[in-house]
Amino acid sequence: MKKYNLYLLLLIVILSSCSDFLEESSQDLMIPKSVKDYKELLFGEILKNGEVLHPYLEYMTDDVKDQCYYGTNPGVISNDFRESVWAYYTWQANPEVGKLNEFTADNAWVSYFHKILMTNIILDNLPKMTGTDIERQDLAGEAYFMRAFSYFMLANLYGQPYHPATADQDLCVPVNNEISLSDKMMRASY
């Protein structure tokens, strides 16, 4: 009988010690808590190095002849480096459709609103972060700048051109004050 009690006790100890071992945890999940963690989020999600959102902007100016060094590959039809953005620098009605009827997506809208969402999350969590006041102010300044720059680029890329006669009625890009994914953006009327 003692032998069975010993086995039972040993079985209970073994099964109770496995609860932490079997608990699921993500290997790449990080919940930011400090200013340093949020600064890494800012650099990783917002300031992506090498991200070219609108390579076509220079091609829409009179500098188009000088842009062969931009890093684009020669085209399929000719040896012209500008062929991939032909529809932009020739001011076509639908610039996303190229010479060979291929579609090139414009990722600037989605990317800039993603940057705005990330800055909203950082600014919302600013009081809860651990760190000094100077570090928090530094992070807040960087986040406010990136949000303003993103709206500036969105307004210049997708907003109506300024006309004094219709300036009070023309709408610009939607303003996103949300800190989660939702469709509750409102159009800016100012």
C-alpha atoms as a PDB file:
ATOM      1  CA  MET A   1       0.000   0.000   0.000  1.00  0.00           C
ATOM      2  CA  LYS A   2       2.894   2.340   0.791  1.00  0.00           C
ATOM      3  CA  LYS A   3       4.301   1.608  -2.625  1.00  0.00           C
ATOM      4  CA  TYR A   4       1.090   2.762  -4.339  1.00  0.00           C
ATOM      5  CA  ASN A   5       0.939   5.914  -2.218  1.00  0.00           C
ATOM      6  CA  LEU A   6       4.518   6.699  -3.196  1.00  0.00           C
ATOM      7  CA  TYR A   7       3.717   6.204  -6.879  1.00  0.00           C
ATOM      8  CA  LEU A   8       0.585   8.316  -6.555  1.00  0.00           C
ATOM      9  CA  LEU A   9       2.516  11.097  -4.833  1.00  0.00           C
ATOM     10  CA  LEU A  10       5.239  10.928  -7.470  1.00  0.00           C
ATOM     11  CA  LEU A  11       2.620  11.070 -10.267  1.00  0.00           C
ATOM     12  CA  ILE A  12       0.947  14.125  -8.707  1.00  0.00           C
ATOM     13  CA  VAL A  13       4.280  15.934  -8.397  1.00  0.00           C
ATOM     14  CA  ILE A  14       5.230  15.168 -11.990  1.00  0.00           C
ATOM     15  CA  LEU A  15       1.856  16.252 -13.430  1.00  0.00           C
ATOM     16  CA  SER A  16       1.672  19.438 -11.371  1.00  0.00           C
ATOM     17  CA  SER A  17       5.141  20.577 -12.441  1.00  0.00           C
ATOM     18  CA  CYS A  18       4.250  20.418 -16.161  1.00  0.00           C
ATOM     19  CA  SER A  19       1.753  23.285 -16.122  1.00  0.00           C
ATOM     20  CA  ASP A  20       4.380  25.942 -16.947  1.00  0.00           C
ATOM     21  CA  PHE A  21       6.103  23.693 -19.457  1.00  0.00           C
ATOM     22  CA  LEU A  22       2.932  23.197 -21.486  1.00  0.00           C
ATOM     23  CA  GLU A  23       1.919  26.852 -21.408  1.00  0.00           C
ATOM     24  CA  GLU A  24       1.947  28.423 -24.864  1.00  0.00           C
ATOM     25  CA  SER A  25       4.089  31.491 -25.379  1.00  0.00           C
ATOM     26  CA  SER A  26       5.141  33.310 -28.495  1.00  0.00           C
ATOM     27  CA  GLN A  27       8.828  33.491 -29.346  1.00  0.00           C
ATOM     28  CA  ASP A  28       8.510  36.819 -31.173  1.00  0.00           C
ATOM     29  CA  LEU A  29       5.855  38.579 -29.081  1.00  0.00           C
ATOM     30  CA  MET A  30       7.090  41.612 -27.217  1.00  0.00           C
ATOM     31  CA  ILE A  31       4.829  43.853 -25.190  1.00  0.00           C
ATOM     32  CA  PRO A  32       6.515  47.266 -25.058  1.00  0.00           C
ATOM     33  CA  LYS A  33       6.703  48.862 -21.616  1.00  0.00           C
ATOM     34  CA  SER A  34       9.625  51.261 -21.649  1.00  0.00           C
ATOM     35  CA  VAL A  35      10.533  54.272 -23.763  1.00  0.00           C
ATOM     36  CA  LYS A  36      13.345  52.187 -25.276  1.00  0.00           C
ATOM     37  CA  ASP A  37      10.844  49.511 -26.383  1.00  0.00           C
ATOM     38  CA  TYR A  38       8.589  52.104 -28.020  1.00  0.00           C
ATOM     39  CA  LYS A  39      11.584  53.762 -29.671  1.00  0.00           C
ATOM     40  CA  GLU A  40      12.425  50.397 -31.246  1.00  0.00           C
ATOM     41  CA  LEU A  41       8.808  50.204 -32.419  1.00  0.00           C
ATOM     42  CA  LEU A  42       9.176  53.694 -33.906  1.00  0.00           C
ATOM     43  CA  PHE A  43      12.337  52.755 -35.794  1.00  0.00           C
ATOM     44  CA  GLY A  44      11.071  49.331 -36.873  1.00  0.00           C
ATOM     45  CA  GLU A  45       7.536  50.192 -37.961  1.00  0.00           C
ATOM     46  CA  ILE A  46       7.720  53.855 -38.939  1.00  0.00           C
ATOM     47  CA  LEU A  47      11.260  54.690 -40.030  1.00  0.00           C
ATOM     48  CA  LYS A  48      11.859  51.752 -42.332  1.00  0.00           C
ATOM     49  CA  ASN A  49      15.257  52.140 -43.970  1.00  0.00           C
ATOM     50  CA  GLY A  50      15.276  51.715 -47.711  1.00  0.00           C
ATOM     51  CA  GLU A  51      11.484  51.994 -48.060  1.00  0.00           C
ATOM     52  CA  VAL A  52      10.668  53.816 -51.296  1.00  0.00           C
ATOM     53  CA  LEU A  53       6.976  54.676 -51.286  1.00  0.00           C
ATOM     54  CA  HIS A  54       6.812  56.955 -54.285  1.00  0.00           C
ATOM     55  CA  PRO A  55       9.709  56.584 -56.705  1.00  0.00           C
ATOM     56  CA  TYR A  56       7.634  58.337 -59.343  1.00  0.00           C
ATOM     57  CA  LEU A  57       7.686  61.820 -57.753  1.00  0.00           C
ATOM     58  CA  GLU A  58      11.002  62.848 -59.296  1.00  0.00           C
ATOM     59  CA  TYR A  59       9.842  61.565 -62.662  1.00  0.00           C
ATOM     60  CA  MET A  60       6.919  63.992 -62.632  1.00  0.00           C
ATOM     61  CA  THR A  61       9.264  66.986 -62.695  1.00  0.00           C
ATOM     62  CA  ASP A  62      11.629  68.359 -65.291  1.00  0.00           C
ATOM     63  CA  ASP A  63      14.398  66.254 -63.700  1.00  0.00           C
ATOM     64  CA  VAL A  64      13.165  63.124 -65.471  1.00  0.00           C
ATOM     65  CA  LYS A  65      16.070  63.111 -67.928  1.00  0.00           C
ATOM     66  CA  ASP A  66      18.610  63.115 -65.096  1.00  0.00           C
ATOM     67  CA  GLN A  67      17.055  60.260 -63.125  1.00  0.00           C
ATOM     68  CA  CYS A  68      18.759  57.309 -64.821  1.00  0.00           C
ATOM     69  CA  TYR A  69      20.858  56.745 -61.696  1.00  0.00           C
ATOM     70  CA  TYR A  70      17.811  56.255 -59.450  1.00  0.00           C
ATOM     71  CA  GLY A  71      18.320  52.507 -59.208  1.00  0.00           C
ATOM     72  CA  THR A  72      15.587  51.299 -61.544  1.00  0.00           C
ATOM     73  CA  ASN A  73      16.313  48.566 -64.013  1.00  0.00           C
ATOM     74  CA  PRO A  74      16.141  49.076 -67.761  1.00  0.00           C
ATOM     75  CA  GLY A  75      12.733  48.490 -69.266  1.00  0.00           C
ATOM     76  CA  VAL A  76      11.428  45.532 -71.225  1.00  0.00           C
ATOM     77  CA  ILE A  77      10.531  47.407 -74.410  1.00  0.00           C
ATOM     78  CA  SER A  78      13.585  49.615 -74.574  1.00  0.00           C
ATOM     79  CA  ASN A  79      16.753  50.284 -72.642  1.00  0.00           C
ATOM     80  CA  ASP A  80      15.097  53.227 -70.901  1.00  0.00           C
ATOM     81  CA  PHE A  81      15.398  53.396 -67.118  1.00  0.00           C
ATOM     82  CA  ARG A  82      12.199  55.459 -66.943  1.00  0.00           C
ATOM     83  CA  GLU A  83       9.954  52.830 -68.484  1.00  0.00           C
ATOM     84  CA  SER A  84       8.735  51.467 -65.133  1.00  0.00           C
ATOM     85  CA  VAL A  85       7.291  54.900 -64.284  1.00  0.00           C
ATOM     86  CA  TRP A  86       6.358  55.923 -67.828  1.00  0.00           C
ATOM     87  CA  ALA A  87       2.709  56.591 -66.954  1.00  0.00           C
ATOM     88  CA  TYR A  88       3.684  59.045 -64.219  1.00  0.00           C
ATOM     89  CA  TYR A  89       6.100  61.208 -66.145  1.00  0.00           C
ATOM     90  CA  THR A  90       3.820  61.312 -69.198  1.00  0.00           C
ATOM     91  CA  TRP A  91       0.875  62.273 -66.952  1.00  0.00           C
ATOM     92  CA  GLN A  92      -1.448  59.405 -67.958  1.00  0.00           C
ATOM     93  CA  ALA A  93      -5.012  59.332 -66.603  1.00  0.00           C
ATOM     94  CA  ASN A  94      -4.403  56.037 -64.786  1.00  0.00           C
ATOM     95  CA  PRO A  95      -0.705  56.105 -63.836  1.00  0.00           C
ATOM     96  CA  GLU A  96      -0.777  52.704 -62.118  1.00  0.00           C
ATOM     97  CA  VAL A  97      -1.134  51.018 -65.534  1.00  0.00           C
ATOM     98  CA  GLY A  98       2.142  50.954 -67.463  1.00  0.00           C
ATOM     99  CA  LYS A  99       3.088  50.690 -71.128  1.00  0.00           C
ATOM    100  CA  LEU A 100       2.638  46.925 -71.244  1.00  0.00           C
ATOM    101  CA  ASN A 101      -0.713  47.140 -69.414  1.00  0.00           C
ATOM    102  CA  GLU A 102       0.915  45.931 -66.205  1.00  0.00           C
ATOM    103  CA  PHE A 103      -0.413  47.181 -62.885  1.00  0.00           C
ATOM    104  CA  THR A 104       1.903  48.720 -60.300  1.00  0.00           C
ATOM    105  CA  ALA A 105       0.365  49.315 -56.892  1.00  0.00           C
ATOM    106  CA  ASP A 106       0.756  52.641 -55.124  1.00  0.00           C
ATOM    107  CA  ASN A 107       1.552  51.658 -51.532  1.00  0.00           C
ATOM    108  CA  ALA A 108       1.947  55.173 -50.158  1.00  0.00           C
ATOM    109  CA  TRP A 109      -1.669  55.457 -48.858  1.00  0.00           C
ATOM    110  CA  VAL A 110      -1.538  52.260 -46.804  1.00  0.00           C
ATOM    111  CA  SER A 111       2.013  52.804 -45.599  1.00  0.00           C
ATOM    112  CA  TYR A 112       1.484  56.388 -44.431  1.00  0.00           C
ATOM    113  CA  PHE A 113      -1.732  55.504 -42.593  1.00  0.00           C
ATOM    114  CA  HIS A 114       0.104  52.591 -40.957  1.00  0.00           C
ATOM    115  CA  LYS A 115       2.761  55.060 -39.775  1.00  0.00           C
ATOM    116  CA  ILE A 116       0.007  57.338 -38.414  1.00  0.00           C
ATOM    117  CA  LEU A 117      -1.590  54.429 -36.545  1.00  0.00           C
ATOM    118  CA  MET A 118       1.763  53.475 -34.990  1.00  0.00           C
ATOM    119  CA  THR A 119       2.429  57.065 -33.896  1.00  0.00           C
ATOM    120  CA  ASN A 120      -1.068  57.249 -32.375  1.00  0.00           C
ATOM    121  CA  ILE A 121      -0.355  54.081 -30.385  1.00  0.00           C
ATOM    122  CA  ILE A 122       2.986  55.456 -29.183  1.00  0.00           C
ATOM    123  CA  LEU A 123       1.477  58.808 -28.173  1.00  0.00           C
ATOM    124  CA  ASP A 124      -1.451  57.123 -26.412  1.00  0.00           C
ATOM    125  CA  ASN A 125       0.878  54.943 -24.322  1.00  0.00           C
ATOM    126  CA  LEU A 126       3.317  57.761 -23.525  1.00  0.00           C
ATOM    127  CA  PRO A 127       2.151  58.336 -19.903  1.00  0.00           C
ATOM    128  CA  LYS A 128       2.347  54.601 -19.105  1.00  0.00           C
ATOM    129  CA  MET A 129       5.936  54.116 -20.333  1.00  0.00           C
ATOM    130  CA  THR A 130       8.827  53.626 -17.991  1.00  0.00           C
ATOM    131  CA  GLY A 131      11.688  56.039 -18.542  1.00  0.00           C
ATOM    132  CA  THR A 132      12.722  59.585 -17.819  1.00  0.00           C
ATOM    133  CA  ASP A 133      10.695  62.634 -18.790  1.00  0.00           C
ATOM    134  CA  ILE A 134      13.381  63.724 -21.248  1.00  0.00           C
ATOM    135  CA  GLU A 135      13.257  60.336 -22.994  1.00  0.00           C
ATOM    136  CA  ARG A 136       9.453  60.539 -23.181  1.00  0.00           C
ATOM    137  CA  GLN A 137       9.572  64.078 -24.587  1.00  0.00           C
ATOM    138  CA  ASP A 138      12.146  62.999 -27.160  1.00  0.00           C
ATOM    139  CA  LEU A 139       9.977  60.065 -28.260  1.00  0.00           C
ATOM    140  CA  ALA A 140       6.863  62.277 -28.330  1.00  0.00           C
ATOM    141  CA  GLY A 141       8.639  64.810 -30.553  1.00  0.00           C
ATOM    142  CA  GLU A 142       9.721  62.127 -32.989  1.00  0.00           C
ATOM    143  CA  ALA A 143       6.223  60.604 -33.074  1.00  0.00           C
ATOM    144  CA  TYR A 144       4.519  63.985 -33.596  1.00  0.00           C
ATOM    145  CA  PHE A 145       6.940  64.818 -36.395  1.00  0.00           C
ATOM    146  CA  MET A 146       6.414  61.487 -38.173  1.00  0.00           C
ATOM    147  CA  ARG A 147       2.633  61.829 -37.914  1.00  0.00           C
ATOM    148  CA  ALA A 148       2.744  65.386 -39.279  1.00  0.00           C
ATOM    149  CA  PHE A 149       5.099  64.349 -42.083  1.00  0.00           C
ATOM    150  CA  SER A 150       2.818  61.435 -43.008  1.00  0.00           C
ATOM    151  CA  TYR A 151      -0.223  63.738 -43.216  1.00  0.00           C
ATOM    152  CA  PHE A 152       1.835  66.243 -45.221  1.00  0.00           C
ATOM    153  CA  MET A 153       2.789  63.591 -47.768  1.00  0.00           C
ATOM    154  CA  LEU A 154      -0.773  62.193 -47.927  1.00  0.00           C
ATOM    155  CA  ALA A 155      -2.221  65.664 -48.449  1.00  0.00           C
ATOM    156  CA  ASN A 156       0.270  66.403 -51.219  1.00  0.00           C
ATOM    157  CA  LEU A 157      -0.202  63.046 -52.939  1.00  0.00           C
ATOM    158  CA  TYR A 158      -3.981  62.582 -52.637  1.00  0.00           C
ATOM    159  CA  GLY A 159      -5.540  65.887 -51.549  1.00  0.00           C
ATOM    160  CA  GLN A 160      -7.253  68.385 -53.807  1.00  0.00           C
ATOM    161  CA  PRO A 161      -5.078  71.184 -55.185  1.00  0.00           C
ATOM    162  CA  TYR A 162      -5.687  74.540 -53.574  1.00  0.00           C
ATOM    163  CA  HIS A 163      -8.173  76.801 -55.373  1.00  0.00           C
ATOM    164  CA  PRO A 164      -9.217  79.976 -53.542  1.00  0.00           C
ATOM    165  CA  ALA A 165     -12.810  79.772 -54.835  1.00  0.00           C
ATOM    166  CA  THR A 166     -13.453  76.247 -53.490  1.00  0.00           C
ATOM    167  CA  ALA A 167     -10.977  76.122 -50.580  1.00  0.00           C
ATOM    168  CA  ASP A 168     -13.726  76.119 -47.939  1.00  0.00           C
ATOM    169  CA  GLN A 169     -15.442  73.077 -49.537  1.00  0.00           C
ATOM    170  CA  ASP A 170     -12.513  70.924 -50.687  1.00  0.00           C
ATOM    171  CA  LEU A 171     -11.816  67.984 -48.418  1.00  0.00           C
ATOM    172  CA  CYS A 172      -8.395  66.579 -47.760  1.00  0.00           C
ATOM    173  CA  VAL A 173      -7.296  63.140 -46.515  1.00  0.00           C
ATOM    174  CA  PRO A 174      -9.079  61.469 -43.577  1.00  0.00           C
ATOM    175  CA  VAL A 175      -7.779  62.187 -40.079  1.00  0.00           C
ATOM    176  CA  ASN A 176      -7.083  59.072 -38.040  1.00  0.00           C
ATOM    177  CA  ASN A 177      -7.195  59.552 -34.262  1.00  0.00           C
ATOM    178  CA  GLU A 178      -7.765  55.859 -33.527  1.00  0.00           C
ATOM    179  CA  ILE A 179      -5.311  53.632 -31.688  1.00  0.00           C
ATOM    180  CA  SER A 180      -6.765  50.413 -33.052  1.00  0.00           C
ATOM    181  CA  LEU A 181      -7.756  49.119 -36.461  1.00  0.00           C
ATOM    182  CA  SER A 182     -11.149  50.562 -37.350  1.00  0.00           C
ATOM    183  CA  ASP A 183     -12.968  52.391 -40.119  1.00  0.00           C
ATOM    184  CA  LYS A 184     -13.877  55.432 -38.007  1.00  0.00           C
ATOM    185  CA  MET A 185     -11.695  57.968 -39.803  1.00  0.00           C
ATOM    186  CA  MET A 186     -13.204  61.335 -40.638  1.00  0.00           C
ATOM    187  CA  ARG A 187     -12.390  63.607 -43.540  1.00  0.00           C
ATOM    188  CA  ALA A 188     -10.511  66.789 -42.682  1.00  0.00           C
ATOM    189  CA  SER A 189     -12.475  69.885 -43.709  1.00  0.00           C
ATOM    190  CA  TYR A 190      -9.865  72.450 -42.756  1.00  0.00           C
END
